[in-house]
Amino acid sequence: MRWLLLGALLGLLYVFPPVLALTVAVCAVLLSKPVAVAFGLGLLARPYLPSLRRSAR
């Protein structure tokens, strides 16, 4: 599924070259906000974090 999405994105970038500039601009805006970056990294790391047992609380 990931490869299909990547292929679709590359196809759109090939057909519509201005989309590349728009994609870079959106990524730059999102990465310039440290709270959004930290929230996104937390969402990505959540499944790999150990869960606390009820007795450990």
N, C-alpha and C. Protein backbone atom coordinates (compact mmCIF):
# COMPACT_ATOMS: atom_id res chain seq x y z
N MET A 1 0.83 -1.20 0.00
CA MET A 1 0.00 0.00 0.00
C MET A 1 0.86 1.25 0.00
N ARG A 2 1.95 1.19 0.77
CA ARG A 2 2.84 2.35 0.84
C ARG A 2 3.44 2.65 -0.53
N TRP A 3 3.80 1.58 -1.25
CA TRP A 3 4.42 1.78 -2.57
C TRP A 3 3.41 2.33 -3.57
N LEU A 4 2.16 1.95 -3.45
CA LEU A 4 1.13 2.51 -4.33
C LEU A 4 0.95 4.00 -4.09
N LEU A 5 0.93 4.39 -2.82
CA LEU A 5 0.80 5.82 -2.51
C LEU A 5 2.01 6.61 -3.00
N LEU A 6 3.20 6.03 -2.82
CA LEU A 6 4.41 6.70 -3.29
C LEU A 6 4.39 6.82 -4.81
N GLY A 7 3.96 5.77 -5.50
CA GLY A 7 3.86 5.81 -6.96
C GLY A 7 2.85 6.84 -7.43
N ALA A 8 1.72 6.93 -6.74
CA ALA A 8 0.71 7.93 -7.10
C ALA A 8 1.25 9.33 -6.90
N LEU A 9 1.97 9.55 -5.80
CA LEU A 9 2.55 10.87 -5.56
C LEU A 9 3.59 11.21 -6.62
N LEU A 10 4.45 10.28 -6.95
CA LEU A 10 5.45 10.54 -7.99
C LEU A 10 4.80 10.77 -9.35
N GLY A 11 3.73 10.05 -9.63
CA GLY A 11 3.00 10.27 -10.89
C GLY A 11 2.40 11.67 -10.95
N LEU A 12 1.82 12.12 -9.84
CA LEU A 12 1.27 13.48 -9.81
C LEU A 12 2.36 14.53 -9.96
N LEU A 13 3.50 14.28 -9.33
CA LEU A 13 4.61 15.23 -9.46
C LEU A 13 5.14 15.27 -10.88
N TYR A 14 5.08 14.16 -11.58
CA TYR A 14 5.56 14.12 -12.96
C TYR A 14 4.58 14.82 -13.90
N VAL A 15 3.29 14.64 -13.67
CA VAL A 15 2.27 15.23 -14.54
C VAL A 15 2.09 16.71 -14.26
N PHE A 16 2.14 17.09 -12.98
CA PHE A 16 1.93 18.48 -12.59
C PHE A 16 3.18 18.99 -11.86
N PRO A 17 4.18 19.51 -12.56
CA PRO A 17 5.41 19.95 -11.90
C PRO A 17 5.23 21.01 -10.82
N PRO A 18 4.28 21.94 -10.92
CA PRO A 18 4.13 22.92 -9.83
C PRO A 18 3.72 22.29 -8.50
N VAL A 19 3.21 21.07 -8.54
CA VAL A 19 2.82 20.40 -7.30
C VAL A 19 4.05 20.15 -6.43
N LEU A 20 5.22 19.96 -7.05
CA LEU A 20 6.45 19.76 -6.29
C LEU A 20 6.75 20.98 -5.43
N ALA A 21 6.64 22.17 -6.02
CA ALA A 21 6.90 23.39 -5.26
C ALA A 21 5.88 23.54 -4.12
N LEU A 22 4.64 23.20 -4.39
CA LEU A 22 3.60 23.27 -3.37
C LEU A 22 3.88 22.26 -2.25
N THR A 23 4.31 21.06 -2.61
CA THR A 23 4.62 20.03 -1.62
C THR A 23 5.78 20.46 -0.73
N VAL A 24 6.81 21.01 -1.34
CA VAL A 24 7.97 21.48 -0.57
C VAL A 24 7.56 22.62 0.36
N ALA A 25 6.72 23.52 -0.12
CA ALA A 25 6.27 24.64 0.71
C ALA A 25 5.44 24.15 1.89
N VAL A 26 4.55 23.20 1.67
CA VAL A 26 3.73 22.67 2.76
C VAL A 26 4.60 21.96 3.78
N CYS A 27 5.57 21.16 3.31
CA CYS A 27 6.48 20.47 4.24
C CYS A 27 7.31 21.47 5.05
N ALA A 28 7.76 22.54 4.42
CA ALA A 28 8.54 23.54 5.12
C ALA A 28 7.71 24.23 6.20
N VAL A 29 6.46 24.53 5.89
CA VAL A 29 5.59 25.17 6.88
C VAL A 29 5.33 24.23 8.06
N LEU A 30 5.07 22.96 7.76
CA LEU A 30 4.79 22.01 8.84
C LEU A 30 6.02 21.76 9.71
N LEU A 31 7.20 21.68 9.09
CA LEU A 31 8.42 21.42 9.85
C LEU A 31 8.90 22.64 10.63
N SER A 32 8.39 23.82 10.28
CA SER A 32 8.81 25.02 11.01
C SER A 32 8.05 25.18 12.33
N LYS A 33 7.08 24.33 12.57
CA LYS A 33 6.31 24.39 13.80
C LYS A 33 6.74 23.24 14.71
N PRO A 34 7.56 23.52 15.74
CA PRO A 34 8.09 22.44 16.57
C PRO A 34 7.02 21.65 17.33
N VAL A 35 5.92 22.28 17.69
CA VAL A 35 4.87 21.56 18.41
C VAL A 35 4.23 20.52 17.50
N ALA A 36 4.00 20.88 16.25
CA ALA A 36 3.40 19.94 15.30
C ALA A 36 4.35 18.78 15.02
N VAL A 37 5.64 19.07 14.92
CA VAL A 37 6.63 18.01 14.68
C VAL A 37 6.69 17.07 15.87
N ALA A 38 6.70 17.62 17.09
CA ALA A 38 6.74 16.79 18.29
C ALA A 38 5.47 15.94 18.42
N PHE A 39 4.32 16.50 18.09
CA PHE A 39 3.07 15.75 18.14
C PHE A 39 3.08 14.62 17.14
N GLY A 40 3.56 14.89 15.92
CA GLY A 40 3.63 13.85 14.89
C GLY A 40 4.59 12.73 15.28
N LEU A 41 5.74 13.09 15.84
CA LEU A 41 6.68 12.07 16.29
C LEU A 41 6.10 11.25 17.45
N GLY A 42 5.36 11.90 18.31
CA GLY A 42 4.71 11.17 19.39
C GLY A 42 3.67 10.18 18.88
N LEU A 43 2.92 10.58 17.86
CA LEU A 43 1.95 9.66 17.27
C LEU A 43 2.64 8.48 16.62
N LEU A 44 3.77 8.73 15.98
CA LEU A 44 4.50 7.63 15.34
C LEU A 44 5.13 6.69 16.37
N ALA A 45 5.58 7.23 17.49
CA ALA A 45 6.26 6.42 18.49
C ALA A 45 5.30 5.70 19.43
N ARG A 46 4.05 6.10 19.49
CA ARG A 46 3.10 5.56 20.46
C ARG A 46 2.97 4.04 20.42
N PRO A 47 2.86 3.41 19.26
CA PRO A 47 2.70 1.94 19.28
C PRO A 47 3.92 1.20 19.83
N TYR A 48 5.07 1.82 19.82
CA TYR A 48 6.29 1.15 20.25
C TYR A 48 6.63 1.41 21.72
N LEU A 49 5.90 2.29 22.38
CA LEU A 49 6.16 2.59 23.78
C LEU A 49 5.54 1.52 24.67
N PRO A 50 6.22 1.15 25.74
CA PRO A 50 5.63 0.15 26.63
C PRO A 50 4.45 0.76 27.40
N SER A 51 3.43 -0.06 27.60
CA SER A 51 2.27 0.43 28.34
C SER A 51 2.46 0.14 29.82
N LEU A 52 1.92 1.00 30.66
CA LEU A 52 2.00 0.83 32.10
C LEU A 52 0.91 -0.12 32.58
N ARG A 53 1.27 -0.97 33.51
CA ARG A 53 0.26 -1.84 34.14
C ARG A 53 -0.49 -1.03 35.19
N ARG A 54 -1.61 -1.50 35.57
CA ARG A 54 -2.40 -0.79 36.59
C ARG A 54 -1.66 -0.74 37.92
N SER A 55 -0.89 -1.76 38.23
CA SER A 55 -0.19 -1.80 39.52
C SER A 55 1.01 -0.83 39.54
N ALA A 56 1.48 -0.43 38.36
CA ALA A 56 2.64 0.46 38.30
C ALA A 56 2.24 1.91 38.45
N ARG A 57 0.97 2.21 38.36
CA ARG A 57 0.53 3.59 38.44
C ARG A 57 0.53 4.09 39.81
